[in-house]
Full PDB file with SEQRES, HELIX, SHEET, SSBOND, CRYST1, ORIGX, SCALE, CONECT and MASTER records, all heavy atoms in Angstrom:
SEQRES   1 A   34  GLU LEU TYR ARG ASP VAL ASP ASP ILE ASP LEU TYR VAL          
SEQRES   2 A   34  GLY LEU PHE ALA GLU GLU PRO GLY SER PRO ASP ALA ILE          
SEQRES   3 A   34  LEU PRO PRO LEU LEU THR LYS ILE                              
HELIX    1 AA1 VAL A    6  ASP A    8  5                                   3    
HELIX    2 AA2 LEU A   11  ALA A   17  1                                   7    
HELIX    3 AA3 PRO A   29  LYS A   33  1                                   5    
CRYST1    1.000    1.000    1.000  90.00  90.00  90.00 P 1           1          
ORIGX1      1.000000  0.000000  0.000000        0.00000                         
ORIGX2      0.000000  1.000000  0.000000        0.00000                         
ORIGX3      0.000000  0.000000  1.000000        0.00000                         
SCALE1      1.000000  0.000000  0.000000        0.00000                         
SCALE2      0.000000  1.000000  0.000000        0.00000                         
SCALE3      0.000000  0.000000  1.000000        0.00000                         
ATOM      1  N   GLU A   1      20.894   8.827  76.507  1.00  0.00           N  
ATOM      2  CA  GLU A   1      21.617   9.173  75.278  1.00  0.00           C  
ATOM      3  C   GLU A   1      22.796  10.104  75.546  1.00  0.00           C  
ATOM      4  O   GLU A   1      23.815  10.043  74.850  1.00  0.00           O  
ATOM      5  CB  GLU A   1      20.657   9.831  74.280  1.00  0.00           C  
ATOM      6  CG  GLU A   1      19.661   8.880  73.652  1.00  0.00           C  
ATOM      7  CD  GLU A   1      18.763   9.590  72.654  1.00  0.00           C  
ATOM      8  OE1 GLU A   1      19.054  10.773  72.323  1.00  0.00           O  
ATOM      9  OE2 GLU A   1      17.783   8.990  72.194  1.00  0.00           O  
ATOM     10  N   LEU A   2      22.657  10.976  76.539  1.00  0.00           N  
ATOM     11  CA  LEU A   2      23.677  11.996  76.772  1.00  0.00           C  
ATOM     12  C   LEU A   2      24.729  11.585  77.791  1.00  0.00           C  
ATOM     13  O   LEU A   2      25.867  12.059  77.734  1.00  0.00           O  
ATOM     14  CB  LEU A   2      23.016  13.295  77.236  1.00  0.00           C  
ATOM     15  CG  LEU A   2      22.123  14.016  76.232  1.00  0.00           C  
ATOM     16  CD1 LEU A   2      21.665  15.359  76.807  1.00  0.00           C  
ATOM     17  CD2 LEU A   2      22.856  14.243  74.918  1.00  0.00           C  
ATOM     18  N   TYR A   3      24.369  10.736  78.750  1.00  0.00           N  
ATOM     19  CA  TYR A   3      25.294  10.356  79.819  1.00  0.00           C  
ATOM     20  C   TYR A   3      25.570   8.856  79.770  1.00  0.00           C  
ATOM     21  O   TYR A   3      24.645   8.048  79.596  1.00  0.00           O  
ATOM     22  CB  TYR A   3      24.710  10.727  81.185  1.00  0.00           C  
ATOM     23  CG  TYR A   3      24.566  12.226  81.399  1.00  0.00           C  
ATOM     24  CD1 TYR A   3      23.374  12.878  81.108  1.00  0.00           C  
ATOM     25  CD2 TYR A   3      25.633  12.976  81.889  1.00  0.00           C  
ATOM     26  CE1 TYR A   3      23.236  14.250  81.296  1.00  0.00           C  
ATOM     27  CE2 TYR A   3      25.511  14.346  82.087  1.00  0.00           C  
ATOM     28  CZ  TYR A   3      24.304  14.974  81.783  1.00  0.00           C  
ATOM     29  OH  TYR A   3      24.179  16.338  81.973  1.00  0.00           O  
ATOM     30  N   ARG A   4      26.831   8.498  79.959  1.00  0.00           N  
ATOM     31  CA  ARG A   4      27.196   7.090  79.917  1.00  0.00           C  
ATOM     32  C   ARG A   4      26.639   6.325  81.110  1.00  0.00           C  
ATOM     33  O   ARG A   4      26.333   5.141  81.024  1.00  0.00           O  
ATOM     34  CB  ARG A   4      28.716   6.949  79.910  1.00  0.00           C  
ATOM     35  CG  ARG A   4      29.387   7.537  78.684  1.00  0.00           C  
ATOM     36  CD  ARG A   4      30.887   7.234  78.705  1.00  0.00           C  
ATOM     37  NE  ARG A   4      31.577   7.880  77.607  1.00  0.00           N  
ATOM     38  CZ  ARG A   4      32.883   7.748  77.371  1.00  0.00           C  
ATOM     39  NH1 ARG A   4      33.628   6.986  78.173  1.00  0.00           N  
ATOM     40  NH2 ARG A   4      33.442   8.376  76.356  1.00  0.00           N  
ATOM     41  N   ASP A   5      26.548   7.011  82.260  1.00  0.00           N  
ATOM     42  CA  ASP A   5      26.136   6.352  83.493  1.00  0.00           C  
ATOM     43  C   ASP A   5      25.373   7.355  84.350  1.00  0.00           C  
ATOM     44  O   ASP A   5      25.597   8.564  84.231  1.00  0.00           O  
ATOM     45  CB  ASP A   5      27.378   5.845  84.243  1.00  0.00           C  
ATOM     46  CG  ASP A   5      27.026   4.941  85.414  1.00  0.00           C  
ATOM     47  OD1 ASP A   5      26.832   5.489  86.520  1.00  0.00           O  
ATOM     48  OD2 ASP A   5      26.939   3.722  85.223  1.00  0.00           O  
ATOM     49  N   VAL A   6      24.480   6.878  85.224  1.00  0.00           N  
ATOM     50  CA  VAL A   6      23.736   7.785  86.093  1.00  0.00           C  
ATOM     51  C   VAL A   6      24.659   8.561  87.018  1.00  0.00           C  
ATOM     52  O   VAL A   6      24.345   9.681  87.437  1.00  0.00           O  
ATOM     53  CB  VAL A   6      22.666   7.030  86.921  1.00  0.00           C  
ATOM     54  CG1 VAL A   6      21.536   6.554  86.047  1.00  0.00           C  
ATOM     55  CG2 VAL A   6      23.290   5.887  87.700  1.00  0.00           C  
ATOM     56  N   ASP A   7      25.833   7.985  87.336  1.00  0.00           N  
ATOM     57  CA  ASP A   7      26.775   8.692  88.206  1.00  0.00           C  
ATOM     58  C   ASP A   7      27.438   9.881  87.523  1.00  0.00           C  
ATOM     59  O   ASP A   7      28.104  10.682  88.190  1.00  0.00           O  
ATOM     60  CB  ASP A   7      27.862   7.732  88.703  1.00  0.00           C  
ATOM     61  CG  ASP A   7      27.349   6.795  89.786  1.00  0.00           C  
ATOM     62  OD1 ASP A   7      26.412   7.181  90.504  1.00  0.00           O  
ATOM     63  OD2 ASP A   7      27.883   5.676  89.906  1.00  0.00           O  
ATOM     64  N   ASP A   8      27.268  10.011  86.217  1.00  0.00           N  
ATOM     65  CA  ASP A   8      27.860  11.133  85.483  1.00  0.00           C  
ATOM     66  C   ASP A   8      26.927  12.337  85.396  1.00  0.00           C  
ATOM     67  O   ASP A   8      27.369  13.429  85.010  1.00  0.00           O  
ATOM     68  CB  ASP A   8      28.225  10.700  84.053  1.00  0.00           C  
ATOM     69  CG  ASP A   8      29.319   9.653  84.009  1.00  0.00           C  
ATOM     70  OD1 ASP A   8      30.173   9.658  84.917  1.00  0.00           O  
ATOM     71  OD2 ASP A   8      29.311   8.824  83.070  1.00  0.00           O  
ATOM     72  N   ILE A   9      25.654  12.171  85.725  1.00  0.00           N  
ATOM     73  CA  ILE A   9      24.670  13.229  85.477  1.00  0.00           C  
ATOM     74  C   ILE A   9      25.005  14.488  86.261  1.00  0.00           C  
ATOM     75  O   ILE A   9      25.251  14.449  87.467  1.00  0.00           O  
ATOM     76  CB  ILE A   9      23.254  12.738  85.837  1.00  0.00           C  
ATOM     77  CG1 ILE A   9      22.843  11.593  84.915  1.00  0.00           C  
ATOM     78  CG2 ILE A   9      22.234  13.877  85.729  1.00  0.00           C  
ATOM     79  CD1 ILE A   9      21.514  10.969  85.273  1.00  0.00           C  
ATOM     80  N   ASP A  10      25.038  15.611  85.553  1.00  0.00           N  
ATOM     81  CA  ASP A  10      25.266  16.900  86.202  1.00  0.00           C  
ATOM     82  C   ASP A  10      24.205  17.156  87.263  1.00  0.00           C  
ATOM     83  O   ASP A  10      23.026  16.832  87.064  1.00  0.00           O  
ATOM     84  CB  ASP A  10      25.183  18.035  85.169  1.00  0.00           C  
ATOM     85  CG  ASP A  10      26.333  18.034  84.188  1.00  0.00           C  
ATOM     86  OD1 ASP A  10      27.433  18.435  84.585  1.00  0.00           O  
ATOM     87  OD2 ASP A  10      26.114  17.647  83.019  1.00  0.00           O  
ATOM     88  N   LEU A  11      24.608  17.780  88.360  1.00  0.00           N  
ATOM     89  CA  LEU A  11      23.646  18.134  89.400  1.00  0.00           C  
ATOM     90  C   LEU A  11      22.498  18.944  88.819  1.00  0.00           C  
ATOM     91  O   LEU A  11      21.328  18.654  89.102  1.00  0.00           O  
ATOM     92  CB  LEU A  11      24.340  18.939  90.506  1.00  0.00           C  
ATOM     93  CG  LEU A  11      23.390  19.569  91.548  1.00  0.00           C  
ATOM     94  CD1 LEU A  11      22.667  18.492  92.340  1.00  0.00           C  
ATOM     95  CD2 LEU A  11      24.158  20.502  92.475  1.00  0.00           C  
ATOM     96  N   TYR A  12      22.807  19.944  88.016  1.00  0.00           N  
ATOM     97  CA  TYR A  12      21.773  20.833  87.499  1.00  0.00           C  
ATOM     98  C   TYR A  12      20.752  20.068  86.658  1.00  0.00           C  
ATOM     99  O   TYR A  12      19.540  20.312  86.754  1.00  0.00           O  
ATOM    100  CB  TYR A  12      22.414  21.944  86.670  1.00  0.00           C  
ATOM    101  CG  TYR A  12      21.473  23.059  86.290  1.00  0.00           C  
ATOM    102  CD1 TYR A  12      21.073  23.999  87.233  1.00  0.00           C  
ATOM    103  CD2 TYR A  12      20.986  23.178  84.996  1.00  0.00           C  
ATOM    104  CE1 TYR A  12      20.203  25.022  86.896  1.00  0.00           C  
ATOM    105  CE2 TYR A  12      20.121  24.206  84.646  1.00  0.00           C  
ATOM    106  CZ  TYR A  12      19.735  25.120  85.598  1.00  0.00           C  
ATOM    107  OH  TYR A  12      18.867  26.134  85.259  1.00  0.00           O  
ATOM    108  N   VAL A  13      21.226  19.141  85.853  1.00  0.00           N  
ATOM    109  CA  VAL A  13      20.315  18.348  85.012  1.00  0.00           C  
ATOM    110  C   VAL A  13      19.507  17.385  85.870  1.00  0.00           C  
ATOM    111  O   VAL A  13      18.283  17.272  85.725  1.00  0.00           O  
ATOM    112  CB  VAL A  13      21.111  17.591  83.932  1.00  0.00           C  
ATOM    113  CG1 VAL A  13      20.199  16.618  83.177  1.00  0.00           C  
ATOM    114  CG2 VAL A  13      21.753  18.579  82.957  1.00  0.00           C  
ATOM    115  N   GLY A  14      20.168  16.688  86.785  1.00  0.00           N  
ATOM    116  CA  GLY A  14      19.462  15.720  87.613  1.00  0.00           C  
ATOM    117  C   GLY A  14      18.398  16.336  88.485  1.00  0.00           C  
ATOM    118  O   GLY A  14      17.317  15.759  88.675  1.00  0.00           O  
ATOM    119  N   LEU A  15      18.668  17.524  89.008  1.00  0.00           N  
ATOM    120  CA  LEU A  15      17.688  18.206  89.859  1.00  0.00           C  
ATOM    121  C   LEU A  15      16.358  18.390  89.151  1.00  0.00           C  
ATOM    122  O   LEU A  15      15.288  18.225  89.753  1.00  0.00           O  
ATOM    123  CB  LEU A  15      18.228  19.576  90.276  1.00  0.00           C  
ATOM    124  CG  LEU A  15      19.289  19.622  91.368  1.00  0.00           C  
ATOM    125  CD1 LEU A  15      19.888  21.024  91.451  1.00  0.00           C  
ATOM    126  CD2 LEU A  15      18.687  19.231  92.712  1.00  0.00           C  
ATOM    127  N   PHE A  16      16.421  18.753  87.882  1.00  0.00           N  
ATOM    128  CA  PHE A  16      15.191  19.072  87.153  1.00  0.00           C  
ATOM    129  C   PHE A  16      14.651  17.891  86.351  1.00  0.00           C  
ATOM    130  O   PHE A  16      13.504  17.919  85.891  1.00  0.00           O  
ATOM    131  CB  PHE A  16      15.431  20.282  86.248  1.00  0.00           C  
ATOM    132  CG  PHE A  16      15.712  21.538  87.028  1.00  0.00           C  
ATOM    133  CD1 PHE A  16      17.013  21.981  87.212  1.00  0.00           C  
ATOM    134  CD2 PHE A  16      14.685  22.253  87.613  1.00  0.00           C  
ATOM    135  CE1 PHE A  16      17.281  23.122  87.958  1.00  0.00           C  
ATOM    136  CE2 PHE A  16      14.938  23.393  88.353  1.00  0.00           C  
ATOM    137  CZ  PHE A  16      16.248  23.828  88.526  1.00  0.00           C  
ATOM    138  N   ALA A  17      15.466  16.848  86.190  1.00  0.00           N  
ATOM    139  CA  ALA A  17      14.972  15.642  85.528  1.00  0.00           C  
ATOM    140  C   ALA A  17      14.138  14.792  86.482  1.00  0.00           C  
ATOM    141  O   ALA A  17      13.216  14.081  86.061  1.00  0.00           O  
ATOM    142  CB  ALA A  17      16.143  14.825  84.998  1.00  0.00           C  
ATOM    143  N   GLU A  18      14.459  14.838  87.758  1.00  0.00           N  
ATOM    144  CA  GLU A  18      13.765  14.048  88.772  1.00  0.00           C  
ATOM    145  C   GLU A  18      12.289  14.422  88.805  1.00  0.00           C  
ATOM    146  O   GLU A  18      11.936  15.597  88.726  1.00  0.00           O  
ATOM    147  CB  GLU A  18      14.413  14.339  90.125  1.00  0.00           C  
ATOM    148  CG  GLU A  18      14.216  13.297  91.173  1.00  0.00           C  
ATOM    149  CD  GLU A  18      15.019  13.628  92.427  1.00  0.00           C  
ATOM    150  OE1 GLU A  18      14.572  14.503  93.198  1.00  0.00           O  
ATOM    151  OE2 GLU A  18      16.090  13.036  92.628  1.00  0.00           O  
ATOM    152  N   GLU A  19      11.436  13.429  88.941  1.00  0.00           N  
ATOM    153  CA  GLU A  19      10.010  13.716  88.982  1.00  0.00           C  
ATOM    154  C   GLU A  19       9.550  13.979  90.417  1.00  0.00           C  
ATOM    155  O   GLU A  19      10.156  13.491  91.377  1.00  0.00           O  
ATOM    156  CB  GLU A  19       9.202  12.571  88.385  1.00  0.00           C  
ATOM    157  CG  GLU A  19       9.237  11.279  89.184  1.00  0.00           C  
ATOM    158  CD  GLU A  19       8.373  10.198  88.556  1.00  0.00           C  
ATOM    159  OE1 GLU A  19       7.301  10.532  88.041  1.00  0.00           O  
ATOM    160  OE2 GLU A  19       8.797   9.029  88.583  1.00  0.00           O  
ATOM    161  N   PRO A  20       8.479  14.760  90.592  1.00  0.00           N  
ATOM    162  CA  PRO A  20       7.955  15.037  91.940  1.00  0.00           C  
ATOM    163  C   PRO A  20       7.503  13.761  92.639  1.00  0.00           C  
ATOM    164  O   PRO A  20       7.220  12.744  92.009  1.00  0.00           O  
ATOM    165  CB  PRO A  20       6.780  15.982  91.673  1.00  0.00           C  
ATOM    166  CG  PRO A  20       7.083  16.606  90.349  1.00  0.00           C  
ATOM    167  CD  PRO A  20       7.780  15.527  89.560  1.00  0.00           C  
ATOM    168  N   GLY A  21       7.421  13.857  93.971  1.00  0.00           N  
ATOM    169  CA  GLY A  21       7.058  12.693  94.771  1.00  0.00           C  
ATOM    170  C   GLY A  21       5.593  12.352  94.743  1.00  0.00           C  
ATOM    171  O   GLY A  21       5.195  11.273  95.159  1.00  0.00           O  
ATOM    172  N   SER A  22       4.748  13.296  94.280  1.00  0.00           N  
ATOM    173  CA  SER A  22       3.307  13.044  94.184  1.00  0.00           C  
ATOM    174  C   SER A  22       2.726  14.030  93.178  1.00  0.00           C  
ATOM    175  O   SER A  22       3.350  15.035  92.841  1.00  0.00           O  
ATOM    176  CB  SER A  22       2.636  13.234  95.550  1.00  0.00           C  
ATOM    177  OG  SER A  22       2.505  14.618  95.853  1.00  0.00           O  
ATOM    178  N   PRO A  23       1.494  13.772  92.685  1.00  0.00           N  
ATOM    179  CA  PRO A  23       0.884  14.699  91.727  1.00  0.00           C  
ATOM    180  C   PRO A  23       0.700  16.109  92.276  1.00  0.00           C  
ATOM    181  O   PRO A  23       0.660  17.071  91.512  1.00  0.00           O  
ATOM    182  CB  PRO A  23      -0.463  14.036  91.419  1.00  0.00           C  
ATOM    183  CG  PRO A  23      -0.251  12.587  91.703  1.00  0.00           C  
ATOM    184  CD  PRO A  23       0.694  12.548  92.860  1.00  0.00           C  
ATOM    185  N   ASP A  24       0.584  16.253  93.598  1.00  0.00           N  
ATOM    186  CA  ASP A  24       0.381  17.581  94.183  1.00  0.00           C  
ATOM    187  C   ASP A  24       1.684  18.322  94.479  1.00  0.00           C  
ATOM    188  O   ASP A  24       1.648  19.490  94.864  1.00  0.00           O  
ATOM    189  CB  ASP A  24      -0.427  17.461  95.490  1.00  0.00           C  
ATOM    190  CG  ASP A  24      -1.874  17.102  95.221  1.00  0.00           C  
ATOM    191  OD1 ASP A  24      -2.395  17.473  94.156  1.00  0.00           O  
ATOM    192  OD2 ASP A  24      -2.482  16.434  96.087  1.00  0.00           O  
ATOM    193  N   ALA A  25       2.804  17.648  94.308  1.00  0.00           N  
ATOM    194  CA  ALA A  25       4.088  18.292  94.591  1.00  0.00           C  
ATOM    195  C   ALA A  25       4.514  19.146  93.404  1.00  0.00           C  
ATOM    196  O   ALA A  25       4.354  18.749  92.244  1.00  0.00           O  
ATOM    197  CB  ALA A  25       5.145  17.244  94.904  1.00  0.00           C  
ATOM    198  N   ILE A  26       5.052  20.331  93.681  1.00  0.00           N  
ATOM    199  CA  ILE A  26       5.539  21.223  92.640  1.00  0.00           C  
ATOM    200  C   ILE A  26       6.968  20.881  92.261  1.00  0.00           C  
ATOM    201  O   ILE A  26       7.360  20.967  91.098  1.00  0.00           O  
ATOM    202  CB  ILE A  26       5.460  22.685  93.119  1.00  0.00           C  
ATOM    203  CG1 ILE A  26       4.005  23.106  93.295  1.00  0.00           C  
ATOM    204  CG2 ILE A  26       6.170  23.633  92.161  1.00  0.00           C  
ATOM    205  CD1 ILE A  26       3.860  24.461  93.945  1.00  0.00           C  
ATOM    206  N   LEU A  27       7.765  20.454  93.258  1.00  0.00           N  
ATOM    207  CA  LEU A  27       9.183  20.208  93.047  1.00  0.00           C  
ATOM    208  C   LEU A  27       9.513  18.744  93.300  1.00  0.00           C  
ATOM    209  O   LEU A  27       8.868  18.083  94.109  1.00  0.00           O  
ATOM    210  CB  LEU A  27      10.018  21.064  94.013  1.00  0.00           C  
ATOM    211  CG  LEU A  27       9.787  22.577  93.979  1.00  0.00           C  
ATOM    212  CD1 LEU A  27      10.624  23.248  95.059  1.00  0.00           C  
ATOM    213  CD2 LEU A  27      10.135  23.149  92.617  1.00  0.00           C  
ATOM    214  N   PRO A  28      10.556  18.229  92.642  1.00  0.00           N  
ATOM    215  CA  PRO A  28      11.015  16.873  92.939  1.00  0.00           C  
ATOM    216  C   PRO A  28      11.706  16.810  94.294  1.00  0.00           C  
ATOM    217  O   PRO A  28      12.061  17.848  94.871  1.00  0.00           O  
ATOM    218  CB  PRO A  28      11.983  16.568  91.788  1.00  0.00           C  
ATOM    219  CG  PRO A  28      12.315  17.870  91.170  1.00  0.00           C  
ATOM    220  CD  PRO A  28      11.241  18.832  91.497  1.00  0.00           C  
ATOM    221  N   PRO A  29      11.906  15.608  94.846  1.00  0.00           N  
ATOM    222  CA  PRO A  29      12.374  15.472  96.227  1.00  0.00           C  
ATOM    223  C   PRO A  29      13.725  16.114  96.533  1.00  0.00           C  
ATOM    224  O   PRO A  29      13.872  16.799  97.548  1.00  0.00           O  
ATOM    225  CB  PRO A  29      12.419  13.956  96.430  1.00  0.00           C  
ATOM    226  CG  PRO A  29      11.395  13.424  95.491  1.00  0.00           C  
ATOM    227  CD  PRO A  29      11.463  14.310  94.286  1.00  0.00           C  
ATOM    228  N   LEU A  30      14.758  15.888  95.695  1.00  0.00           N  
ATOM    229  CA  LEU A  30      16.070  16.440  96.014  1.00  0.00           C  
ATOM    230  C   LEU A  30      16.043  17.961  95.965  1.00  0.00           C  
ATOM    231  O   LEU A  30      16.593  18.636  96.850  1.00  0.00           O  
ATOM    232  CB  LEU A  30      17.127  15.904  95.045  1.00  0.00           C  
ATOM    233  CG  LEU A  30      18.554  16.404  95.288  1.00  0.00           C  
ATOM    234  CD1 LEU A  30      19.037  16.056  96.693  1.00  0.00           C  
ATOM    235  CD2 LEU A  30      19.512  15.819  94.238  1.00  0.00           C  
ATOM    236  N   LEU A  31      15.394  18.519  94.973  1.00  0.00           N  
ATOM    237  CA  LEU A  31      15.262  19.968  94.867  1.00  0.00           C  
ATOM    238  C   LEU A  31      14.525  20.528  96.080  1.00  0.00           C  
ATOM    239  O   LEU A  31      14.920  21.549  96.662  1.00  0.00           O  
ATOM    240  CB  LEU A  31      14.514  20.320  93.577  1.00  0.00           C  
ATOM    241  CG  LEU A  31      14.557  21.757  93.083  1.00  0.00           C  
ATOM    242  CD1 LEU A  31      15.969  22.212  92.818  1.00  0.00           C  
ATOM    243  CD2 LEU A  31      13.724  21.893  91.815  1.00  0.00           C  
ATOM    244  N   THR A  32      13.460  19.853  96.486  1.00  0.00           N  
ATOM    245  CA  THR A  32      12.693  20.279  97.660  1.00  0.00           C  
ATOM    246  C   THR A  32      13.553  20.290  98.906  1.00  0.00           C  
ATOM    247  O   THR A  32      13.517  21.241  99.699  1.00  0.00           O  
ATOM    248  CB  THR A  32      11.487  19.352  97.877  1.00  0.00           C  
ATOM    249  OG1 THR A  32      10.641  19.395  96.729  1.00  0.00           O  
ATOM    250  CG2 THR A  32      10.677  19.777  99.097  1.00  0.00           C  
ATOM    251  N   LYS A  33      14.345  19.245  99.081  1.00  0.00           N  
ATOM    252  CA  LYS A  33      15.132  19.139 100.305  1.00  0.00           C  
ATOM    253  C   LYS A  33      16.216  20.220 100.369  1.00  0.00           C  
ATOM    254  O   LYS A  33      16.422  20.847 101.407  1.00  0.00           O  
ATOM    255  CB  LYS A  33      15.748  17.749 100.426  1.00  0.00           C  
ATOM    256  CG  LYS A  33      16.413  17.518 101.767  1.00  0.00           C  
ATOM    257  CD  LYS A  33      16.844  16.075 101.968  1.00  0.00           C  
ATOM    258  CE  LYS A  33      15.701  15.168 102.303  1.00  0.00           C  
ATOM    259  NZ  LYS A  33      16.145  13.833 102.809  1.00  0.00           N  
ATOM    260  N   ILE A  34      16.912  20.453  99.253  1.00  0.00           N  
ATOM    261  CA  ILE A  34      17.957  21.482  99.252  1.00  0.00           C  
ATOM    262  C   ILE A  34      17.346  22.850  99.521  1.00  0.00           C  
ATOM    263  O   ILE A  34      17.890  23.655 100.289  1.00  0.00           O  
ATOM    264  CB  ILE A  34      18.727  21.472  97.924  1.00  0.00           C  
ATOM    265  CG1 ILE A  34      19.537  20.178  97.788  1.00  0.00           C  
ATOM    266  CG2 ILE A  34      19.660  22.673  97.825  1.00  0.00           C  
ATOM    267  CD1 ILE A  34      20.256  20.032  96.463  1.00  0.00           C  
TER     268      ILE A  34                                                      
MASTER        0    0    0    3    0    0    0    6  267    1    0    3          
END                                                                             
């Protein structure tokens, strides 16, 4: 609803929108890697 395309998503929003890689993970993958 907010972004026309996935390539427009702000880094800050995308970092926290991404879901973790497993139920035991606290952070999503990109956030974890950075």
